[in-house]
N, C-alpha and C. Protein backbone atom coordinates (compact mmCIF):
# COMPACT_ATOMS: atom_id res chain seq x y z
N UNK A 1 -103.84 34.45 21.27
CA UNK A 1 -105.22 34.84 21.38
C UNK A 1 -105.77 34.71 22.83
N UNK A 2 -105.33 33.55 23.44
CA UNK A 2 -105.67 33.20 24.71
C UNK A 2 -105.11 34.47 25.62
N UNK A 3 -103.84 34.76 25.55
CA UNK A 3 -103.31 35.75 26.46
C UNK A 3 -104.13 36.98 26.27
N UNK A 4 -104.37 37.45 25.05
CA UNK A 4 -105.17 38.72 24.95
C UNK A 4 -106.69 38.61 25.37
N UNK A 5 -107.25 37.39 25.27
CA UNK A 5 -108.65 37.34 25.73
C UNK A 5 -108.69 37.44 27.31
N UNK A 6 -107.72 36.54 27.95
CA UNK A 6 -107.84 36.66 29.41
C UNK A 6 -107.40 38.04 29.91
N UNK A 7 -106.45 38.62 29.33
CA UNK A 7 -106.12 40.05 29.74
C UNK A 7 -107.16 40.90 29.57
N UNK A 8 -107.85 40.91 28.53
CA UNK A 8 -109.13 41.73 28.29
C UNK A 8 -110.13 41.47 29.24
N UNK A 9 -110.28 40.19 29.63
CA UNK A 9 -111.16 39.79 30.54
C UNK A 9 -110.99 40.29 31.88
N UNK A 10 -109.68 40.48 32.29
CA UNK A 10 -109.21 40.82 33.57
C UNK A 10 -109.54 42.18 33.81
N UNK A 11 -109.54 43.05 32.70
CA UNK A 11 -109.56 44.47 33.01
C UNK A 11 -110.84 44.92 33.74
N UNK A 12 -112.07 44.47 33.15
CA UNK A 12 -113.21 44.77 33.75
C UNK A 12 -113.27 44.06 35.10
N UNK A 13 -112.67 42.81 35.40
CA UNK A 13 -112.93 42.24 36.63
C UNK A 13 -112.05 43.30 37.90
N UNK A 14 -110.93 43.72 37.29
CA UNK A 14 -110.25 44.76 38.28
C UNK A 14 -111.13 45.99 38.48
N UNK A 15 -111.82 46.23 37.33
CA UNK A 15 -112.67 47.58 37.57
C UNK A 15 -113.82 47.29 38.34
N UNK A 16 -114.34 46.12 38.45
CA UNK A 16 -115.48 45.78 39.46
C UNK A 16 -114.97 45.92 40.65
N UNK A 17 -113.67 45.31 41.15
CA UNK A 17 -113.35 45.48 42.42
C UNK A 17 -113.06 46.91 42.91
N UNK A 18 -112.64 47.72 41.85
CA UNK A 18 -112.39 49.25 42.10
C UNK A 18 -113.61 49.85 42.49
N UNK A 19 -114.71 49.60 41.77
CA UNK A 19 -115.89 50.14 41.95
C UNK A 19 -116.56 49.81 43.40
N UNK A 20 -116.32 48.59 43.94
CA UNK A 20 -116.73 48.16 45.31
C UNK A 20 -115.95 48.99 46.23
N UNK A 21 -114.64 49.04 46.04
CA UNK A 21 -113.75 49.74 47.04
C UNK A 21 -113.89 51.13 46.98
N UNK A 22 -114.25 51.81 45.76
CA UNK A 22 -114.63 53.19 45.67
C UNK A 22 -116.08 53.53 46.41
N UNK A 23 -117.02 52.47 46.30
CA UNK A 23 -118.29 52.63 47.14
C UNK A 23 -117.99 52.37 48.70
N UNK A 24 -117.11 51.61 49.12
CA UNK A 24 -116.69 51.65 50.42
C UNK A 24 -115.97 52.80 50.93
N UNK A 25 -115.14 53.29 50.21
CA UNK A 25 -114.48 54.63 50.69
C UNK A 25 -115.47 55.80 50.60
N UNK A 26 -116.48 55.71 49.79
CA UNK A 26 -117.53 56.83 49.74
C UNK A 26 -118.35 56.68 51.00
N UNK A 27 -118.35 55.70 51.80
CA UNK A 27 -119.17 55.41 52.95
C UNK A 27 -120.64 54.98 52.59
N UNK A 28 -120.67 54.23 51.38
CA UNK A 28 -122.02 53.46 51.04
C UNK A 28 -122.23 52.59 52.15
N UNK A 29 -123.68 52.56 52.64
CA UNK A 29 -124.17 51.71 53.56
C UNK A 29 -124.27 50.29 53.22
N UNK A 30 -124.46 50.09 51.82
CA UNK A 30 -124.61 48.89 51.41
C UNK A 30 -123.40 47.91 51.11
N UNK A 31 -122.18 48.66 51.23
CA UNK A 31 -120.89 47.84 51.06
C UNK A 31 -120.06 47.87 52.35
N UNK A 32 -119.71 46.61 52.77
CA UNK A 32 -119.00 46.49 53.82
C UNK A 32 -117.51 46.07 53.54
N UNK A 33 -116.56 46.30 54.46
CA UNK A 33 -115.18 46.00 54.27
C UNK A 33 -115.11 44.53 54.04
N UNK A 34 -115.89 43.70 54.57
CA UNK A 34 -115.87 42.25 54.45
C UNK A 34 -116.22 41.92 53.07
N UNK A 35 -117.32 42.53 52.71
CA UNK A 35 -117.81 42.16 51.34
C UNK A 35 -117.00 42.55 50.28
N UNK A 36 -116.29 43.70 50.53
CA UNK A 36 -115.26 44.10 49.24
C UNK A 36 -114.05 43.26 49.40
N UNK A 37 -113.62 42.79 50.58
CA UNK A 37 -112.33 41.90 50.56
C UNK A 37 -112.94 40.53 50.10
N UNK A 38 -113.95 40.04 50.32
CA UNK A 38 -114.63 38.84 49.76
C UNK A 38 -114.48 38.85 48.32
N UNK A 39 -114.97 39.79 47.51
CA UNK A 39 -114.98 40.03 46.15
C UNK A 39 -113.61 40.04 45.71
N UNK A 40 -112.81 40.87 46.30
CA UNK A 40 -111.30 40.82 45.79
C UNK A 40 -110.50 39.49 46.00
N UNK A 41 -110.90 38.71 47.00
CA UNK A 41 -110.21 37.37 47.32
C UNK A 41 -110.90 36.40 46.27
N UNK A 42 -112.07 36.52 46.02
CA UNK A 42 -112.63 35.55 45.01
C UNK A 42 -112.23 35.80 43.61
N UNK A 43 -111.95 36.95 43.25
CA UNK A 43 -111.48 37.12 42.01
C UNK A 43 -110.01 36.89 41.81
N UNK A 44 -109.35 37.17 42.97
CA UNK A 44 -107.82 36.74 42.99
C UNK A 44 -107.73 35.35 42.90
N UNK A 45 -108.51 34.50 43.70
CA UNK A 45 -108.31 32.93 43.66
C UNK A 45 -108.65 32.40 42.15
N UNK A 46 -109.70 32.81 41.64
CA UNK A 46 -110.10 32.33 40.33
C UNK A 46 -109.08 32.91 39.22
N UNK A 47 -108.00 33.74 39.58
CA UNK A 47 -107.07 34.14 38.62
C UNK A 47 -105.98 33.04 38.60
N UNK A 48 -105.87 32.12 39.50
CA UNK A 48 -104.88 31.18 39.49
C UNK A 48 -105.22 30.16 38.29
N UNK A 49 -106.26 29.66 38.26
CA UNK A 49 -106.78 28.78 37.11
C UNK A 49 -106.48 29.39 35.69
N UNK A 50 -106.81 30.87 35.76
CA UNK A 50 -106.62 31.58 34.49
C UNK A 50 -105.28 31.77 34.05
N UNK A 51 -104.40 32.02 35.03
CA UNK A 51 -103.03 31.97 34.74
C UNK A 51 -102.47 30.74 34.20
N UNK A 52 -103.07 29.64 34.75
CA UNK A 52 -102.66 28.27 34.16
C UNK A 52 -103.19 28.00 32.83
N UNK A 53 -104.29 28.55 32.67
CA UNK A 53 -104.77 28.43 31.32
C UNK A 53 -103.99 29.09 30.28
N UNK A 54 -103.36 30.04 30.59
CA UNK A 54 -102.30 30.78 29.67
C UNK A 54 -100.97 30.10 29.82
N UNK A 55 -100.42 29.77 30.89
CA UNK A 55 -99.05 29.25 31.03
C UNK A 55 -98.93 27.87 30.47
N UNK A 56 -99.75 26.86 30.72
CA UNK A 56 -99.68 25.77 30.29
C UNK A 56 -99.54 25.37 28.88
N UNK A 57 -100.61 26.18 28.04
CA UNK A 57 -100.36 25.89 26.55
C UNK A 57 -99.11 26.62 26.05
N UNK A 58 -98.70 27.80 26.65
CA UNK A 58 -97.44 28.32 26.00
C UNK A 58 -96.28 27.46 26.23
N UNK A 59 -96.28 26.81 27.40
CA UNK A 59 -95.21 25.82 27.74
C UNK A 59 -95.22 24.70 26.70
N UNK A 60 -96.56 24.32 26.54
CA UNK A 60 -96.63 23.11 25.45
C UNK A 60 -96.16 23.44 24.21
N UNK A 61 -96.32 24.80 23.89
CA UNK A 61 -95.97 25.20 22.40
C UNK A 61 -94.42 25.47 22.19
N UNK A 62 -93.62 25.38 23.43
CA UNK A 62 -92.16 25.41 23.24
C UNK A 62 -91.70 26.70 23.94
N UNK A 63 -92.50 27.50 24.63
CA UNK A 63 -91.85 28.67 25.45
C UNK A 63 -91.24 28.10 26.71
N UNK A 64 -90.52 28.92 27.15
CA UNK A 64 -89.73 28.54 28.23
C UNK A 64 -90.66 28.44 29.57
N UNK A 65 -90.34 27.83 30.60
CA UNK A 65 -91.07 27.92 31.92
C UNK A 65 -91.25 29.32 32.41
N UNK A 66 -90.06 30.08 32.44
CA UNK A 66 -90.23 31.31 33.04
C UNK A 66 -91.03 32.26 32.24
N UNK A 67 -90.93 32.14 30.83
CA UNK A 67 -91.58 32.97 29.93
C UNK A 67 -93.03 32.71 30.05
N UNK A 68 -93.49 31.40 30.04
CA UNK A 68 -94.84 31.10 30.23
C UNK A 68 -95.47 31.40 31.43
N UNK A 69 -94.75 31.33 32.43
CA UNK A 69 -95.36 31.66 33.85
C UNK A 69 -95.39 33.26 33.84
N UNK A 70 -94.53 33.94 33.14
CA UNK A 70 -94.37 35.52 33.26
C UNK A 70 -95.61 36.12 32.47
N UNK A 71 -96.01 35.35 31.43
CA UNK A 71 -96.96 35.74 30.50
C UNK A 71 -98.45 35.55 31.33
N UNK A 72 -98.63 34.21 32.16
CA UNK A 72 -99.74 34.08 32.89
C UNK A 72 -99.78 35.10 34.00
N UNK A 73 -98.65 35.46 34.70
CA UNK A 73 -98.92 36.66 35.85
C UNK A 73 -99.23 37.82 35.06
N UNK A 74 -98.52 38.30 33.91
CA UNK A 74 -99.05 39.51 33.31
C UNK A 74 -100.44 39.63 32.98
N UNK A 75 -101.07 38.55 32.57
CA UNK A 75 -102.43 38.59 32.01
C UNK A 75 -103.34 39.02 33.37
N UNK A 76 -102.94 38.81 34.48
CA UNK A 76 -103.61 39.14 35.61
C UNK A 76 -103.28 40.36 36.32
N UNK A 77 -102.00 40.87 35.88
CA UNK A 77 -101.49 42.08 36.60
C UNK A 77 -102.21 43.42 36.08
N UNK A 78 -103.14 43.24 35.08
CA UNK A 78 -103.90 44.42 34.73
C UNK A 78 -105.17 44.57 35.69
N UNK A 79 -105.53 43.66 36.52
CA UNK A 79 -106.47 43.74 37.51
C UNK A 79 -106.24 44.90 38.55
N UNK A 80 -105.18 44.74 39.25
CA UNK A 80 -104.84 45.77 40.29
C UNK A 80 -104.59 47.16 39.76
N UNK A 81 -104.08 47.28 38.50
CA UNK A 81 -103.76 48.45 37.89
C UNK A 81 -105.33 49.17 37.55
N UNK A 82 -106.13 48.54 36.82
CA UNK A 82 -107.42 49.02 36.54
C UNK A 82 -108.32 49.22 37.75
N UNK A 83 -108.19 48.30 38.83
CA UNK A 83 -108.74 48.56 40.00
C UNK A 83 -108.44 49.79 40.66
N UNK A 84 -107.26 50.15 40.70
CA UNK A 84 -106.84 51.41 41.52
C UNK A 84 -107.28 52.70 40.51
N UNK A 85 -107.18 52.69 39.15
CA UNK A 85 -107.66 53.68 38.29
C UNK A 85 -109.17 53.74 38.52
N UNK A 86 -109.94 52.66 38.71
CA UNK A 86 -111.32 52.76 38.89
C UNK A 86 -111.64 53.51 40.15
N UNK A 87 -110.95 53.17 41.11
CA UNK A 87 -111.20 53.97 42.51
C UNK A 87 -111.11 55.38 42.33
N UNK A 88 -110.01 55.78 41.51
CA UNK A 88 -109.66 57.18 41.12
C UNK A 88 -110.99 57.97 40.39
N UNK A 89 -111.47 57.18 39.46
CA UNK A 89 -112.43 57.78 38.47
C UNK A 89 -113.82 57.07 38.63
N UNK A 90 -114.08 56.71 39.68
CA UNK A 90 -115.29 55.74 39.89
C UNK A 90 -116.69 56.49 39.38
N UNK A 91 -116.74 57.66 39.65
CA UNK A 91 -117.88 58.43 39.05
C UNK A 91 -118.18 58.31 37.79
N UNK A 92 -117.18 58.19 36.83
CA UNK A 92 -117.24 58.09 35.54
C UNK A 92 -117.37 56.74 35.00
N UNK A 93 -116.79 55.67 35.68
CA UNK A 93 -116.76 54.37 35.35
C UNK A 93 -118.05 53.59 35.71
N UNK A 94 -118.64 53.88 37.01
CA UNK A 94 -119.87 53.09 37.46
C UNK A 94 -120.96 52.83 36.42
N UNK A 95 -121.30 54.00 35.63
CA UNK A 95 -122.62 53.92 34.62
C UNK A 95 -122.17 52.76 33.43
N UNK A 96 -120.63 52.66 33.31
CA UNK A 96 -120.28 51.83 32.13
C UNK A 96 -119.87 50.35 32.57
N UNK A 97 -120.08 50.05 33.80
CA UNK A 97 -119.74 48.75 34.29
C UNK A 97 -120.20 47.64 33.65
N UNK A 98 -121.75 47.58 33.55
CA UNK A 98 -122.45 46.60 32.95
C UNK A 98 -121.88 46.28 31.68
N UNK A 99 -121.55 47.28 30.77
CA UNK A 99 -121.22 47.15 29.44
C UNK A 99 -119.72 46.50 29.54
N UNK A 100 -118.84 46.91 30.34
CA UNK A 100 -117.43 46.47 30.58
C UNK A 100 -117.55 44.87 30.95
N UNK A 101 -118.42 44.62 31.92
CA UNK A 101 -118.36 43.13 32.38
C UNK A 101 -119.01 42.41 31.13
N UNK A 102 -119.85 42.87 30.46
CA UNK A 102 -120.50 42.13 29.38
C UNK A 102 -119.44 41.77 28.30
N UNK A 103 -118.58 42.85 28.00
CA UNK A 103 -117.40 42.59 27.02
C UNK A 103 -116.43 41.52 27.62
N UNK A 104 -116.18 41.72 28.87
CA UNK A 104 -115.29 40.55 29.45
C UNK A 104 -115.95 39.23 29.31
N UNK A 105 -117.06 38.91 29.55
CA UNK A 105 -117.74 37.71 29.49
C UNK A 105 -117.77 37.19 27.87
N UNK A 106 -117.98 38.19 27.08
CA UNK A 106 -117.92 37.83 25.61
C UNK A 106 -116.63 37.38 25.26
N UNK A 107 -115.51 38.15 25.56
CA UNK A 107 -114.24 37.74 25.28
C UNK A 107 -113.81 36.37 25.76
N UNK A 108 -114.18 36.08 26.82
CA UNK A 108 -114.10 34.78 27.28
C UNK A 108 -114.80 33.67 26.61
N UNK A 109 -115.96 33.92 26.35
CA UNK A 109 -116.95 32.97 25.75
C UNK A 109 -116.35 32.74 24.18
N UNK A 110 -116.01 33.77 23.55
CA UNK A 110 -115.32 33.55 22.26
C UNK A 110 -114.13 32.64 22.28
N UNK A 111 -113.34 32.71 23.16
CA UNK A 111 -112.07 32.02 23.25
C UNK A 111 -112.46 30.61 23.62
N UNK A 112 -113.34 30.52 24.57
CA UNK A 112 -113.93 29.00 24.92
C UNK A 112 -114.48 28.38 23.74
N UNK A 113 -115.44 29.08 23.05
CA UNK A 113 -116.01 28.37 21.71
C UNK A 113 -115.01 28.13 20.74
N UNK A 114 -114.26 29.06 20.37
CA UNK A 114 -113.31 29.07 19.16
C UNK A 114 -112.22 28.04 19.48
N UNK A 115 -111.65 28.33 20.66
CA UNK A 115 -110.37 27.62 20.87
C UNK A 115 -110.37 26.23 21.77
N UNK A 116 -110.98 26.46 23.05
CA UNK A 116 -110.84 25.49 24.01
C UNK A 116 -111.71 24.21 23.89
N UNK A 117 -113.06 24.59 23.38
CA UNK A 117 -113.97 23.38 23.14
C UNK A 117 -113.48 22.48 22.03
N UNK A 118 -113.04 22.99 20.88
CA UNK A 118 -112.61 22.16 19.88
C UNK A 118 -111.29 21.43 20.29
N UNK A 119 -110.52 21.87 20.98
CA UNK A 119 -109.36 21.27 21.61
C UNK A 119 -109.56 20.23 22.44
N UNK A 120 -110.49 20.51 23.35
CA UNK A 120 -110.90 19.68 24.46
C UNK A 120 -111.76 18.35 23.82
N UNK A 121 -112.37 18.49 22.70
CA UNK A 121 -113.11 17.44 22.27
C UNK A 121 -112.15 16.64 21.13
N UNK A 122 -111.12 16.98 21.09
CA UNK A 122 -110.15 16.23 20.13
C UNK A 122 -109.31 15.18 20.87
N UNK A 123 -108.79 14.16 20.35
CA UNK A 123 -108.06 13.44 20.99
C UNK A 123 -108.64 12.19 21.59
N UNK A 124 -107.70 11.29 22.07
CA UNK A 124 -108.17 9.93 22.69
C UNK A 124 -109.18 10.11 23.77
N UNK A 125 -108.91 10.86 24.73
CA UNK A 125 -109.78 11.03 26.05
C UNK A 125 -110.74 12.08 25.89
N UNK A 126 -111.38 12.36 24.91
CA UNK A 126 -112.15 13.78 24.68
C UNK A 126 -113.42 13.53 25.58
N UNK A 127 -113.97 12.42 25.75
CA UNK A 127 -115.02 12.24 26.39
C UNK A 127 -114.84 12.77 28.00
N UNK A 128 -113.90 12.75 28.66
CA UNK A 128 -113.54 13.20 29.73
C UNK A 128 -113.70 14.63 29.95
N UNK A 129 -113.16 15.33 28.90
CA UNK A 129 -113.39 16.93 28.90
C UNK A 129 -114.83 17.33 28.58
N UNK A 130 -115.29 16.55 27.77
CA UNK A 130 -116.77 16.92 27.50
C UNK A 130 -117.63 16.66 28.79
N UNK A 131 -117.42 15.70 29.43
CA UNK A 131 -118.27 15.44 30.76
C UNK A 131 -117.93 16.43 31.78
N UNK A 132 -116.67 16.87 32.01
CA UNK A 132 -116.43 17.82 32.96
C UNK A 132 -116.85 19.28 32.53
N UNK A 133 -116.81 19.55 31.14
CA UNK A 133 -117.39 20.72 30.63
C UNK A 133 -118.77 20.84 31.16
N UNK A 134 -119.64 19.61 30.78
CA UNK A 134 -121.08 19.75 31.03
C UNK A 134 -121.42 19.90 32.47
N UNK A 135 -120.50 19.12 33.43
CA UNK A 135 -120.82 19.25 34.76
C UNK A 135 -120.39 20.54 35.50
N UNK A 136 -119.31 21.16 34.97
CA UNK A 136 -119.04 22.50 35.30
C UNK A 136 -120.20 23.46 34.71
N UNK A 137 -120.69 23.51 33.71
CA UNK A 137 -121.56 24.32 33.08
C UNK A 137 -123.02 24.18 33.99
N UNK A 138 -123.43 23.06 34.09
CA UNK A 138 -124.68 22.81 35.05
C UNK A 138 -124.47 23.24 36.35
N UNK A 139 -123.27 23.09 36.92
CA UNK A 139 -122.99 23.51 38.24
C UNK A 139 -123.23 25.08 38.41
N UNK A 140 -122.59 25.66 37.36
CA UNK A 140 -122.66 27.21 37.46
C UNK A 140 -124.19 27.71 37.20
N UNK A 141 -124.80 27.00 36.38
CA UNK A 141 -126.19 27.51 36.02
C UNK A 141 -126.95 27.18 37.21
N UNK A 142 -126.87 26.10 38.00
CA UNK A 142 -127.63 25.87 39.16
C UNK A 142 -127.28 27.02 40.30
N UNK A 143 -126.14 27.35 40.36
CA UNK A 143 -125.68 28.31 41.35
C UNK A 143 -126.11 29.67 41.11
N UNK A 144 -126.15 29.87 39.56
CA UNK A 144 -126.92 31.24 39.21
C UNK A 144 -128.31 31.24 39.57
N UNK A 145 -128.96 30.24 39.40
CA UNK A 145 -130.43 30.09 39.68
C UNK A 145 -130.64 30.33 41.09
N UNK A 146 -129.90 29.49 41.84
CA UNK A 146 -130.03 29.48 43.34
C UNK A 146 -129.69 30.79 44.00
N UNK A 147 -128.72 31.43 43.55
CA UNK A 147 -128.24 32.61 44.28
C UNK A 147 -128.66 33.85 43.46
N UNK A 148 -129.36 33.81 42.55
CA UNK A 148 -130.11 34.79 41.83
C UNK A 148 -129.13 35.74 41.07
């Protein structure tokens, strides 16, 4: 379920990067090459922990290291594919982007609530996971308010 959720989550992320690059290629005055690169790099950097979120549980469940790593990489491989497709069909995709990004967020929230939080709060050191979850959530909410 985690592999599917992260893969589905990565499709609209790739499309978001594709929309920005399509805007850059069309000559939009609001989009700079630096901004487009910053978005692409930001999404690429956050894909490292997403890949680990997939690879580590698969390895713990008995999959081999190469297979676990490969599935983690493949979950993120959809981003450049859908980014490139979005550049090609940007005029049709741009109006649907809010809905696609909402779907991506919903897929991740479902997995977090259904799978990760119960697993995190079980066991001997469950308080550490709960504290870090609360700190991370609070930090992201503060950044959301501060950055608009």
